[in-house]
Protein backbone atom coordinates (compact mmCIF):
# COMPACT_ATOMS: atom_id res chain seq x y z
CA MET A 1 0.00 0.00 0.00
CA SER A 2 1.53 3.31 -1.08
CA LYS A 3 2.00 6.03 1.51
CA THR A 4 0.25 9.37 1.23
CA PRO A 5 2.26 12.62 1.42
CA LEU A 6 0.93 13.07 4.97
CA ASP A 7 2.15 9.58 5.92
CA LYS A 8 5.61 10.47 4.63
CA ILE A 9 5.61 13.81 6.46
CA GLN A 10 4.57 12.21 9.74
CA LYS A 11 7.20 9.47 9.37
CA LEU A 12 10.04 11.93 8.71
CA LEU A 13 9.00 14.19 11.56
CA GLU A 14 9.14 11.35 14.08
CA TYR A 15 12.82 12.20 14.48
CA ASN A 16 12.37 15.97 14.66
CA ILE A 17 9.58 16.65 17.15
CA PRO A 18 8.51 15.06 20.46
CA ILE A 19 6.06 12.20 20.04
CA LYS A 20 3.56 13.95 22.33
CA LEU A 21 3.26 16.70 19.68
CA SER A 22 2.90 14.42 16.68
CA ASP A 23 -0.88 14.90 16.57
CA LYS A 24 -0.31 18.66 16.09
CA ILE A 25 1.33 18.22 12.68
CA PRO A 26 -0.80 20.04 10.06
CA GLU A 27 -2.80 17.52 8.03
CA LYS A 28 -3.79 20.07 5.36
CA TRP A 29 -1.82 22.45 3.21
CA GLU A 30 -2.23 24.75 0.25
CA LYS A 31 0.16 24.20 -2.65
CA ILE A 32 0.44 27.14 -5.05
CA GLY A 33 2.92 26.43 -7.81
CA ASN A 34 6.04 25.30 -5.96
CA ILE A 35 5.11 27.08 -2.71
CA ALA A 36 3.42 25.25 0.17
CA ILE A 37 1.41 27.00 2.89
CA ILE A 38 0.63 25.33 6.21
CA LYS A 39 -0.87 26.61 9.46
CA LEU A 40 1.50 25.72 12.26
CA PRO A 41 0.17 25.42 15.83
CA SER A 42 2.09 27.51 18.39
CA GLU A 43 3.27 24.33 20.16
CA LEU A 44 5.37 23.47 17.10
CA TYR A 45 7.03 26.87 16.54
CA LYS A 46 10.19 25.68 18.24
CA TYR A 47 10.59 23.06 15.49
CA LYS A 48 9.37 25.16 12.56
CA SER A 49 12.58 25.00 10.50
CA ALA A 50 12.74 21.21 10.63
CA ILE A 51 9.01 20.94 9.91
CA GLY A 52 9.25 23.33 6.96
CA LYS A 53 12.13 21.34 5.50
CA VAL A 54 10.17 18.09 5.63
CA TYR A 55 7.09 19.59 3.97
CA ALA A 56 9.30 21.08 1.25
CA GLN A 57 10.96 17.72 0.67
CA VAL A 58 7.76 15.65 0.52
CA LEU A 59 5.68 18.18 -1.44
CA ASP A 60 8.56 19.12 -3.77
CA CYS A 61 8.38 22.82 -2.96
CA LYS A 62 11.07 25.51 -3.01
CA THR A 63 9.53 27.34 -0.03
CA VAL A 64 7.15 26.56 2.81
CA LEU A 65 5.11 29.39 4.35
CA ASN A 66 3.31 29.49 7.66
CA ASP A 67 -0.15 31.04 7.65
CA ILE A 68 -0.03 33.29 10.71
CA SER A 69 -3.40 35.00 10.61
CA GLY A 70 -5.08 34.42 7.25
CA ILE A 71 -6.09 37.18 4.84
CA THR A 72 -6.48 40.75 6.09
CA GLY A 73 -7.33 44.24 4.87
CA GLU A 74 -9.05 45.72 1.84
CA TYR A 75 -6.47 44.15 -0.48
CA ARG A 76 -6.85 40.74 1.25
CA VAL A 77 -3.11 40.39 1.85
CA PRO A 78 -1.86 37.08 3.33
CA HIS A 79 -0.09 37.30 6.69
CA VAL A 80 2.58 34.61 6.38
CA GLU A 81 6.18 33.86 7.32
CA ILE A 82 8.84 31.70 5.66
CA LEU A 83 9.45 28.45 7.52
CA TYR A 84 11.91 27.03 5.04
CA GLY A 85 13.37 27.74 1.63
CA LYS A 86 13.98 30.62 -0.72
CA LYS A 87 12.94 34.17 0.09
CA ASP A 88 11.83 34.70 -3.51
CA THR A 89 8.34 33.22 -3.40
CA GLU A 90 7.06 34.27 -6.81
CA THR A 91 5.73 31.20 -8.58
CA ILE A 92 3.71 29.92 -11.52
CA HIS A 93 0.51 28.08 -10.63
CA LYS A 94 -1.36 26.07 -13.27
CA GLU A 95 -5.02 25.13 -12.94
CA ASN A 96 -7.40 23.92 -15.63
CA LYS A 97 -4.70 24.84 -18.20
CA ILE A 98 -4.74 28.46 -16.96
CA ILE A 99 -1.41 30.03 -15.94
CA TYR A 100 -1.30 32.28 -12.87
CA ARG A 101 1.89 34.08 -11.87
CA LEU A 102 1.80 35.39 -8.32
CA ASP A 103 3.65 35.74 -5.03
CA PRO A 104 1.77 33.93 -2.22
CA GLN A 105 3.47 36.20 0.32
CA LYS A 106 1.69 39.18 -1.24
CA ILE A 107 -1.38 37.80 -3.01
CA MET A 108 -4.10 35.34 -1.93
CA PHE A 109 -5.01 32.29 -3.99
CA SER A 110 -7.68 29.97 -2.62
CA SER A 111 -7.88 26.37 -3.79
CA GLY A 112 -11.35 26.34 -2.23
CA ASN A 113 -12.55 28.51 -5.13
CA MET A 114 -11.27 26.13 -7.83
CA ASP A 115 -14.68 24.64 -8.70
CA GLU A 116 -16.10 28.13 -9.20
CA ARG A 117 -13.16 29.14 -11.42
CA ILE A 118 -13.81 26.04 -13.52
CA ARG A 119 -17.55 26.77 -13.68
CA MET A 120 -16.95 30.35 -14.75
CA ALA A 121 -14.65 29.24 -17.56
CA THR A 122 -17.63 28.32 -19.75
CA ILE A 123 -20.28 30.69 -18.36
CA SER A 124 -19.94 33.29 -21.13
CA ASN A 125 -19.86 33.22 -24.95
CA LYS A 126 -18.39 34.99 -27.97
CA LYS A 127 -21.23 37.50 -28.19
CA GLU A 128 -20.85 38.88 -24.67
CA THR A 129 -19.02 41.76 -23.06
CA VAL A 130 -18.01 41.06 -19.46
CA VAL A 131 -16.93 43.33 -16.62
CA ASP A 132 -14.97 41.78 -13.75
CA LEU A 133 -15.18 44.29 -10.90
CA PHE A 134 -12.66 42.53 -8.63
CA ALA A 135 -10.28 40.88 -11.08
CA GLY A 136 -7.33 40.30 -8.75
CA ILE A 137 -4.64 38.46 -10.69
CA GLY A 138 -7.30 37.16 -13.09
CA TYR A 139 -8.98 34.47 -10.99
CA PHE A 140 -12.19 34.53 -13.08
CA THR A 141 -11.15 36.81 -15.93
CA LEU A 142 -8.57 34.37 -17.28
CA PRO A 143 -10.74 31.20 -17.36
CA ILE A 144 -13.56 33.14 -19.04
CA ALA A 145 -11.20 34.68 -21.60
CA VAL A 146 -9.42 31.40 -22.43
CA TYR A 147 -12.47 29.12 -22.64
CA SER A 148 -15.52 31.33 -23.39
CA LYS A 149 -13.66 33.88 -25.54
CA PRO A 150 -16.17 36.74 -25.13
CA LYS A 151 -15.89 39.87 -27.27
CA LYS A 152 -14.38 41.83 -24.40
CA ILE A 153 -13.58 41.59 -20.71
CA TYR A 154 -12.91 44.73 -18.70
CA ALA A 155 -10.89 43.59 -15.67
CA CYS A 156 -10.88 46.11 -12.81
CA GLU A 157 -8.34 45.86 -9.99
CA LYS A 158 -7.36 48.35 -7.28
CA ASN A 159 -4.43 46.56 -5.62
CA PRO A 160 -1.27 47.63 -7.49
CA VAL A 161 0.54 44.34 -6.78
CA ALA A 162 -2.40 42.26 -8.02
CA PHE A 163 -2.83 44.55 -11.02
CA ASN A 164 0.79 44.00 -12.03
CA TYR A 165 0.28 40.22 -11.95
CA LEU A 166 -3.04 40.59 -13.77
CA LYS A 167 -1.28 42.28 -16.70
CA GLN A 168 1.43 39.59 -16.76
CA ASN A 169 -1.16 36.79 -16.62
CA ILE A 170 -3.18 38.25 -19.48
CA THR A 171 -0.04 38.00 -21.63
CA LEU A 172 0.96 34.56 -20.31
CA ASN A 173 -2.45 33.20 -21.32
CA ASN A 174 -2.48 34.96 -24.71
CA VAL A 175 -5.73 36.85 -24.13
CA ASN A 176 -4.51 40.42 -24.68
CA SER A 177 -6.99 40.82 -27.52
CA ILE A 178 -9.90 40.01 -25.18
CA VAL A 179 -8.98 41.45 -21.78
CA GLU A 180 -8.50 45.13 -21.00
CA PRO A 181 -7.07 45.64 -17.50
CA LEU A 182 -8.28 48.76 -15.67
CA LYS A 183 -6.40 49.98 -12.59
CA GLY A 184 -8.25 51.66 -9.75
CA ASP A 185 -11.45 51.69 -7.71
CA ASN A 186 -14.13 50.03 -9.83
CA ARG A 187 -16.67 52.61 -8.65
CA LYS A 188 -14.66 55.18 -10.59
CA ILE A 189 -13.18 53.26 -13.51
CA ALA A 190 -15.66 50.52 -14.46
CA PRO A 191 -17.23 51.17 -17.89
CA LYS A 192 -20.96 51.90 -17.90
CA ASN A 193 -23.71 50.50 -20.11
CA VAL A 194 -21.45 47.97 -21.86
CA ALA A 195 -21.79 44.58 -20.15
CA ASP A 196 -23.96 41.53 -20.65
CA ARG A 197 -22.43 40.00 -17.52
CA VAL A 198 -20.70 41.36 -14.40
CA ILE A 199 -18.50 39.35 -12.04
CA MET A 200 -18.46 40.39 -8.38
CA GLY A 201 -15.88 37.91 -7.08
CA TYR A 202 -15.31 39.50 -3.68
CA PHE A 203 -16.85 39.05 -0.27
CA GLY A 204 -17.19 41.50 2.56
CA LYS A 205 -19.28 44.61 1.84
CA THR A 206 -20.01 43.39 -1.69
CA ASN A 207 -23.42 45.04 -1.36
CA GLU A 208 -21.71 48.44 -1.57
CA PHE A 209 -20.81 47.71 -5.20
CA ILE A 210 -24.16 46.48 -6.55
CA SER A 211 -25.07 49.85 -8.06
CA THR A 212 -21.70 49.92 -9.81
CA ALA A 213 -22.41 46.46 -11.25
CA ILE A 214 -25.88 47.47 -12.45
CA ASN A 215 -24.47 50.60 -14.08
CA CYS A 216 -22.04 48.39 -16.02
CA LEU A 217 -24.90 46.40 -17.58
CA LYS A 218 -26.37 47.40 -20.93
CA ASN A 219 -29.52 49.38 -20.11
CA ASN A 220 -29.02 48.10 -16.55
CA CYS A 221 -30.14 44.62 -17.69
CA GLY A 222 -28.09 41.44 -17.71
CA ILE A 223 -26.46 38.91 -15.38
CA ILE A 224 -24.56 39.57 -12.16
CA HIS A 225 -22.54 36.92 -10.32
CA TYR A 226 -22.77 38.16 -6.74
CA HIS A 227 -20.37 36.76 -4.13
CA ASP A 228 -20.51 37.33 -0.38
CA LYS A 229 -20.50 35.51 2.94
CA PHE A 230 -23.72 34.95 4.87
CA PRO A 231 -25.04 32.93 7.82
CA GLN A 232 -26.51 29.80 6.28
CA GLU A 233 -29.94 30.44 7.84
CA ASN A 234 -30.19 33.66 5.77
CA ILE A 235 -29.85 31.82 2.45
CA PRO A 236 -31.27 32.62 -0.05
CA ASP A 237 -33.64 35.31 1.25
CA LYS A 238 -31.21 37.90 2.64
CA PRO A 239 -28.92 38.17 -0.41
CA LEU A 240 -31.91 38.33 -2.75
CA GLU A 241 -33.44 41.09 -0.63
CA ILE A 242 -30.19 43.09 -0.81
CA ILE A 243 -29.94 42.77 -4.60
CA LYS A 244 -33.66 43.43 -5.10
CA ASP A 245 -33.44 46.69 -3.14
CA SER A 246 -30.64 47.91 -5.41
CA ALA A 247 -32.41 46.76 -8.57
CA ASN A 248 -35.57 48.65 -7.56
CA LYS A 249 -33.61 51.90 -7.66
CA PHE A 250 -33.01 51.23 -11.35
CA ASN A 251 -36.64 50.18 -11.90
CA LYS A 252 -35.53 46.61 -12.59
CA GLN A 253 -36.65 43.25 -11.26
CA ILE A 254 -34.43 40.29 -10.49
CA LYS A 255 -34.57 36.63 -11.38
CA LEU A 256 -32.54 34.08 -9.45
CA LEU A 257 -30.87 31.76 -11.96
CA GLN A 258 -29.03 29.70 -9.35
CA TYR A 259 -26.91 29.94 -6.25
CA LYS A 260 -24.24 27.74 -4.70
CA GLN A 261 -21.98 27.52 -1.71
CA ILE A 262 -18.35 28.12 -2.60
CA LYS A 263 -16.78 27.15 0.70
CA LYS A 264 -17.15 27.37 4.46
CA TYR A 265 -15.91 30.63 5.98
CA ALA A 266 -16.62 30.23 9.71
CA PRO A 267 -18.98 28.13 11.85
CA GLY A 268 -22.44 28.68 10.39
CA ILE A 269 -21.16 31.21 7.83
CA ASN A 270 -20.37 30.32 4.22
CA HIS A 271 -19.15 31.99 1.03
CA TYR A 272 -21.89 31.89 -1.62
CA VAL A 273 -22.32 33.01 -5.21
CA PHE A 274 -25.68 34.08 -6.65
CA ASP A 275 -26.31 34.21 -10.40
CA ILE A 276 -28.88 36.97 -10.79
CA LYS A 277 -30.54 38.27 -13.95
CA LEU A 278 -31.85 41.84 -14.02
CA VAL A 279 -34.72 42.55 -16.41
CA GLU A 280 -37.23 45.31 -17.07
CA LYS A 281 -40.04 45.25 -14.51
CA TRP A 282 -42.70 44.69 -17.12
CA LYS A 283 -40.97 41.58 -18.47
CA LYS A 284 -41.78 38.19 -17.03
């Protein structure tokens, strides 16, 4: 019976940490390109160099990072430290034949969103214009551009570090003719009255950007992919109420196409996406 990577890690660490702490060894990790990220319990900090080396060896990574306190701030910057390996943590991550260049010390990349990135790859079509209000390094922009090949994608991003990687990734994936990167606050720079579809791939105060999304849509009608985190008992009523209130200001009605849970965020709170269509109020 072949051993799993975790089996190998646990076996190698038998000689590096006290046996009483063996059950504290992280059983999960995030691997982004050739960078691994683990969350090390405080009891193991004394042995962090040895632990980092073993994870690097087993997972074939140049660097192992410790997730200190998750993602923080408006730009959702990771708070991490190097446990082992090279200080240069820029890497190339490949997923669903999409190439992402990024630095996991500076930019988040969640494997928990992979299914949604794959779903979004074929959500559009060659006749559409798309606006991605929170493009990041191209999480959703790139799959849509590569697989759906819409007429145009306007990719808005405020974080200068993410925007730099977004521009590089557009070139790496050969979609310069489709994607136009726009730097700045989407409330100021997003094009109006152009989109058939708007991506709102952000959570935390996403409701503050609904009017911006509606203004992007042609005649304020079209599809919005609305992300946010909610207590599970509020699903689907609360998000629909929020979007409906905004749509009413534009004299539009909403139609729920579908919704899905992306991943768990905290006990009883999950990250969801809602596919919403805005139409004229007189249309059924």
